[in-house]
Protein backbone atom coordinates (compact mmCIF):
# COMPACT_ATOMS: atom_id res chain seq x y z
CA UNK A 1 -0.19 -0.37 0.33
CA UNK A 2 2.98 2.53 0.58
CA UNK A 3 4.55 2.02 -2.51
CA UNK A 4 0.90 2.58 -4.04
CA UNK A 5 0.63 5.75 -2.19
CA UNK A 6 4.22 6.72 -3.00
CA UNK A 7 3.88 6.16 -6.70
CA UNK A 8 0.26 8.26 -6.46
CA UNK A 9 1.45 11.01 -4.39
CA UNK A 10 5.55 11.15 -4.87
CA UNK A 11 5.94 11.90 -1.45
CA UNK A 12 8.26 10.34 0.97
CA UNK A 13 6.87 8.95 4.30
CA UNK A 14 6.08 5.57 6.17
CA UNK A 15 2.65 3.79 5.87
CA UNK A 16 2.35 4.43 9.46
CA UNK A 17 2.51 8.39 8.75
CA UNK A 18 -0.46 7.85 5.95
CA UNK A 19 -2.32 5.63 7.81
CA UNK A 20 -2.19 8.35 11.03
CA UNK A 21 -2.79 11.31 8.61
CA UNK A 22 -5.80 9.41 7.12
CA UNK A 23 -7.62 8.57 9.85
CA UNK A 24 -6.97 11.81 11.95
CA UNK A 25 -7.99 14.15 8.72
CA UNK A 26 -10.41 11.82 6.84
CA UNK A 27 -11.37 14.40 4.37
CA UNK A 28 -7.63 14.61 3.18
CA UNK A 29 -6.09 13.37 -0.35
CA UNK A 30 -4.78 10.97 2.02
CA UNK A 31 -7.54 9.38 3.28
CA UNK A 32 -9.14 8.44 -0.21
CA UNK A 33 -5.72 7.20 -1.00
CA UNK A 34 -5.46 5.10 1.55
CA UNK A 35 -9.44 3.89 0.84
CA UNK A 36 -8.49 3.48 -3.03
CA UNK A 37 -5.24 1.53 -2.10
CA UNK A 38 -7.26 -0.75 0.19
CA UNK A 39 -10.26 -1.00 -2.22
CA UNK A 40 -7.59 -1.36 -5.53
CA UNK A 41 -5.11 -4.14 -3.69
CA UNK A 42 -7.87 -6.18 -1.51
CA UNK A 43 -5.92 -5.92 1.16
CA UNK A 44 -8.04 -7.43 3.97
CA UNK A 45 -7.72 -6.93 7.86
CA UNK A 46 -9.71 -6.37 11.05
CA UNK A 47 -7.22 -3.32 11.36
CA UNK A 48 -8.21 -2.23 7.62
CA UNK A 49 -12.06 -2.89 8.07
CA UNK A 50 -11.91 -0.29 10.92
CA UNK A 51 -9.62 2.15 9.21
CA UNK A 52 -12.45 1.58 6.14
CA UNK A 53 -15.31 2.24 8.43
CA UNK A 54 -13.75 5.08 9.78
CA UNK A 55 -13.29 7.10 6.58
CA UNK A 56 -16.64 5.84 5.72
CA UNK A 57 -18.67 7.43 8.51
CA UNK A 58 -16.41 10.20 9.18
CA UNK A 59 -15.25 12.07 5.65
CA UNK A 60 -17.22 14.31 4.15
CA UNK A 61 -15.95 13.55 0.96
CA UNK A 62 -18.28 11.67 -1.30
CA UNK A 63 -15.25 10.02 -3.20
CA UNK A 64 -13.22 8.88 -0.03
CA UNK A 65 -16.91 7.61 1.40
CA UNK A 66 -17.32 5.65 -1.95
CA UNK A 67 -14.41 4.25 -1.97
CA UNK A 68 -13.81 2.88 1.63
CA UNK A 69 -17.60 1.55 1.11
CA UNK A 70 -16.72 -0.45 -1.76
CA UNK A 71 -13.65 -1.39 -0.13
CA UNK A 72 -15.43 -3.00 2.61
CA UNK A 73 -17.27 -5.15 0.40
CA UNK A 74 -14.02 -7.60 0.91
CA UNK A 75 -13.12 -7.07 4.54
CA UNK A 76 -15.20 -10.17 6.24
CA UNK A 77 -15.54 -8.07 9.31
CA UNK A 78 -18.03 -8.94 12.30
CA UNK A 79 -17.87 -4.96 13.11
CA UNK A 80 -20.91 -2.82 13.37
CA UNK A 81 -21.74 -1.51 10.50
CA UNK A 82 -24.19 0.61 12.68
CA UNK A 83 -21.88 3.76 11.82
CA UNK A 84 -22.60 3.80 8.15
CA UNK A 85 -26.38 3.55 8.03
CA UNK A 86 -27.08 7.00 7.43
CA UNK A 87 -25.44 6.92 4.13
CA UNK A 88 -28.67 5.20 3.30
CA UNK A 89 -30.06 8.44 3.40
CA UNK A 90 -27.62 10.06 1.18
CA UNK A 91 -28.60 12.03 -1.62
CA UNK A 92 -25.25 11.03 -3.80
CA UNK A 93 -26.58 7.47 -5.13
CA UNK A 94 -23.03 6.16 -5.42
CA UNK A 95 -22.86 6.45 -1.75
CA UNK A 96 -25.87 4.83 -1.41
CA UNK A 97 -24.75 1.94 -3.90
CA UNK A 98 -21.11 1.78 -2.55
CA UNK A 99 -23.33 0.99 0.90
CA UNK A 100 -25.36 -1.23 -0.66
CA UNK A 101 -22.07 -3.29 -2.11
CA UNK A 102 -20.00 -2.42 0.81
CA UNK A 103 -22.67 -4.52 3.34
CA UNK A 104 -21.67 -7.87 1.87
CA UNK A 105 -18.43 -7.74 3.61
CA UNK A 106 -20.48 -7.59 6.96
CA UNK A 107 -20.77 -10.45 9.22
CA UNK A 108 -23.25 -8.68 11.66
CA UNK A 109 -26.99 -8.87 11.77
CA UNK A 110 -27.34 -4.91 11.76
CA UNK A 111 -26.38 -5.14 8.36
CA UNK A 112 -29.29 -7.02 7.20
CA UNK A 113 -32.04 -4.06 8.37
CA UNK A 114 -29.76 -1.75 6.45
CA UNK A 115 -30.19 -3.85 3.28
CA UNK A 116 -33.64 -4.11 3.69
CA UNK A 117 -34.01 -0.37 4.14
CA UNK A 118 -32.07 0.07 0.81
CA UNK A 119 -34.65 -2.44 -1.28
CA UNK A 120 -37.00 0.94 -1.47
CA UNK A 121 -34.32 3.32 -2.90
CA UNK A 122 -35.60 5.27 -5.69
CA UNK A 123 -33.12 3.98 -7.99
CA UNK A 124 -33.06 0.42 -9.50
CA UNK A 125 -29.55 -0.30 -9.45
CA UNK A 126 -29.14 0.15 -5.49
CA UNK A 127 -32.49 -1.70 -5.19
CA UNK A 128 -30.81 -4.78 -7.13
CA UNK A 129 -27.69 -4.38 -5.72
CA UNK A 130 -29.05 -4.71 -2.01
CA UNK A 131 -30.77 -7.78 -3.01
CA UNK A 132 -27.71 -9.30 -4.31
CA UNK A 133 -26.22 -8.20 -1.03
CA UNK A 134 -28.80 -9.79 0.99
CA UNK A 135 -28.68 -13.49 -0.96
CA UNK A 136 -24.82 -13.05 -0.73
CA UNK A 137 -24.79 -12.32 3.02
CA UNK A 138 -28.36 -15.11 3.97
CA UNK A 139 -28.04 -17.32 1.09
CA UNK A 140 -32.12 -16.36 1.49
CA UNK A 141 -33.87 -16.01 -2.25
CA UNK A 142 -36.04 -13.01 -1.58
CA UNK A 143 -34.85 -10.58 -5.06
CA UNK A 144 -35.86 -7.60 -4.59
CA UNK A 145 -38.93 -7.73 -2.40
CA UNK A 146 -38.76 -5.69 0.72
CA UNK A 147 -42.00 -7.05 1.98
CA UNK A 148 -40.81 -11.06 1.75
CA UNK A 149 -37.64 -9.64 3.26
CA UNK A 150 -38.71 -7.83 5.99
CA UNK A 151 -41.17 -10.79 6.92
CA UNK A 152 -38.13 -13.50 6.83
CA UNK A 153 -36.01 -11.18 9.07
CA UNK A 154 -38.86 -10.74 11.13
CA UNK A 155 -39.07 -14.14 11.53
CA UNK A 156 -35.47 -15.48 11.84
CA UNK A 157 -33.17 -12.54 13.32
CA UNK A 158 -33.09 -13.79 16.83
CA UNK A 159 -31.92 -17.48 15.56
CA UNK A 160 -29.90 -16.47 12.20
CA UNK A 161 -26.41 -17.13 11.67
CA UNK A 162 -24.43 -16.59 8.78
CA UNK A 163 -23.22 -18.89 6.50
CA UNK A 164 -19.38 -18.87 6.07
CA UNK A 165 -17.66 -16.19 4.16
CA UNK A 166 -16.65 -18.85 1.43
CA UNK A 167 -19.97 -20.04 1.02
CA UNK A 168 -21.69 -17.18 0.04
CA UNK A 169 -22.51 -18.62 -3.34
CA UNK A 170 -25.56 -20.55 -3.24
CA UNK A 171 -24.98 -24.24 -4.90
CA UNK A 172 -21.80 -22.87 -6.37
CA UNK A 173 -23.80 -20.78 -9.17
CA UNK A 174 -23.36 -17.24 -9.52
CA UNK A 175 -26.20 -14.43 -8.82
CA UNK A 176 -27.48 -12.45 -11.78
CA UNK A 177 -28.53 -9.39 -11.84
CA UNK A 178 -31.49 -9.36 -10.07
CA UNK A 179 -30.03 -11.53 -7.46
CA UNK A 180 -30.90 -14.83 -8.64
CA UNK A 181 -29.65 -18.06 -9.80
CA UNK A 182 -28.61 -18.06 -13.18
CA UNK A 183 -26.37 -20.67 -15.17
CA UNK A 184 -23.53 -20.05 -17.73
CA UNK A 185 -22.17 -22.19 -20.55
CA UNK A 186 -18.98 -21.66 -18.52
CA UNK A 187 -20.08 -22.66 -14.75
């Protein structure tokens, strides 16, 4: 990540220096660069998840928020996504879309109601992404129906356990655009 950052910024420093600057000044260029690097390089850890949650929840820059939220999709964390729920009401649709995608990385029950709420977004792309995220997180086959998801969640939320992170593709099949199983010639 440090070499990625140095290549983009042409400034000397250490990873710790950039990380410290990014987390203390969450609306800085360093914060955007760190979020982009974690997204582009696919670096995952509890520490990086905490940094991304902080950047996404505290930054005022929509680009930093979007990059951090999108990078969270790959983090596989049990952290609470509650700090991020305000993004579901953002006027910037890219932030709402990134939130729907980013929730896929959370193994926390608080992510499910956030995603169910996004099923009523005015943009179809966001509703579809929320439905896909719900399917990937839970394995349940309710597509974009907020009513069905809410009924299901009300019935199972107390006893619900997440499938293992590696087993999120039901039946080994890919999920199509609408969050339903699809088959392809190549598998």
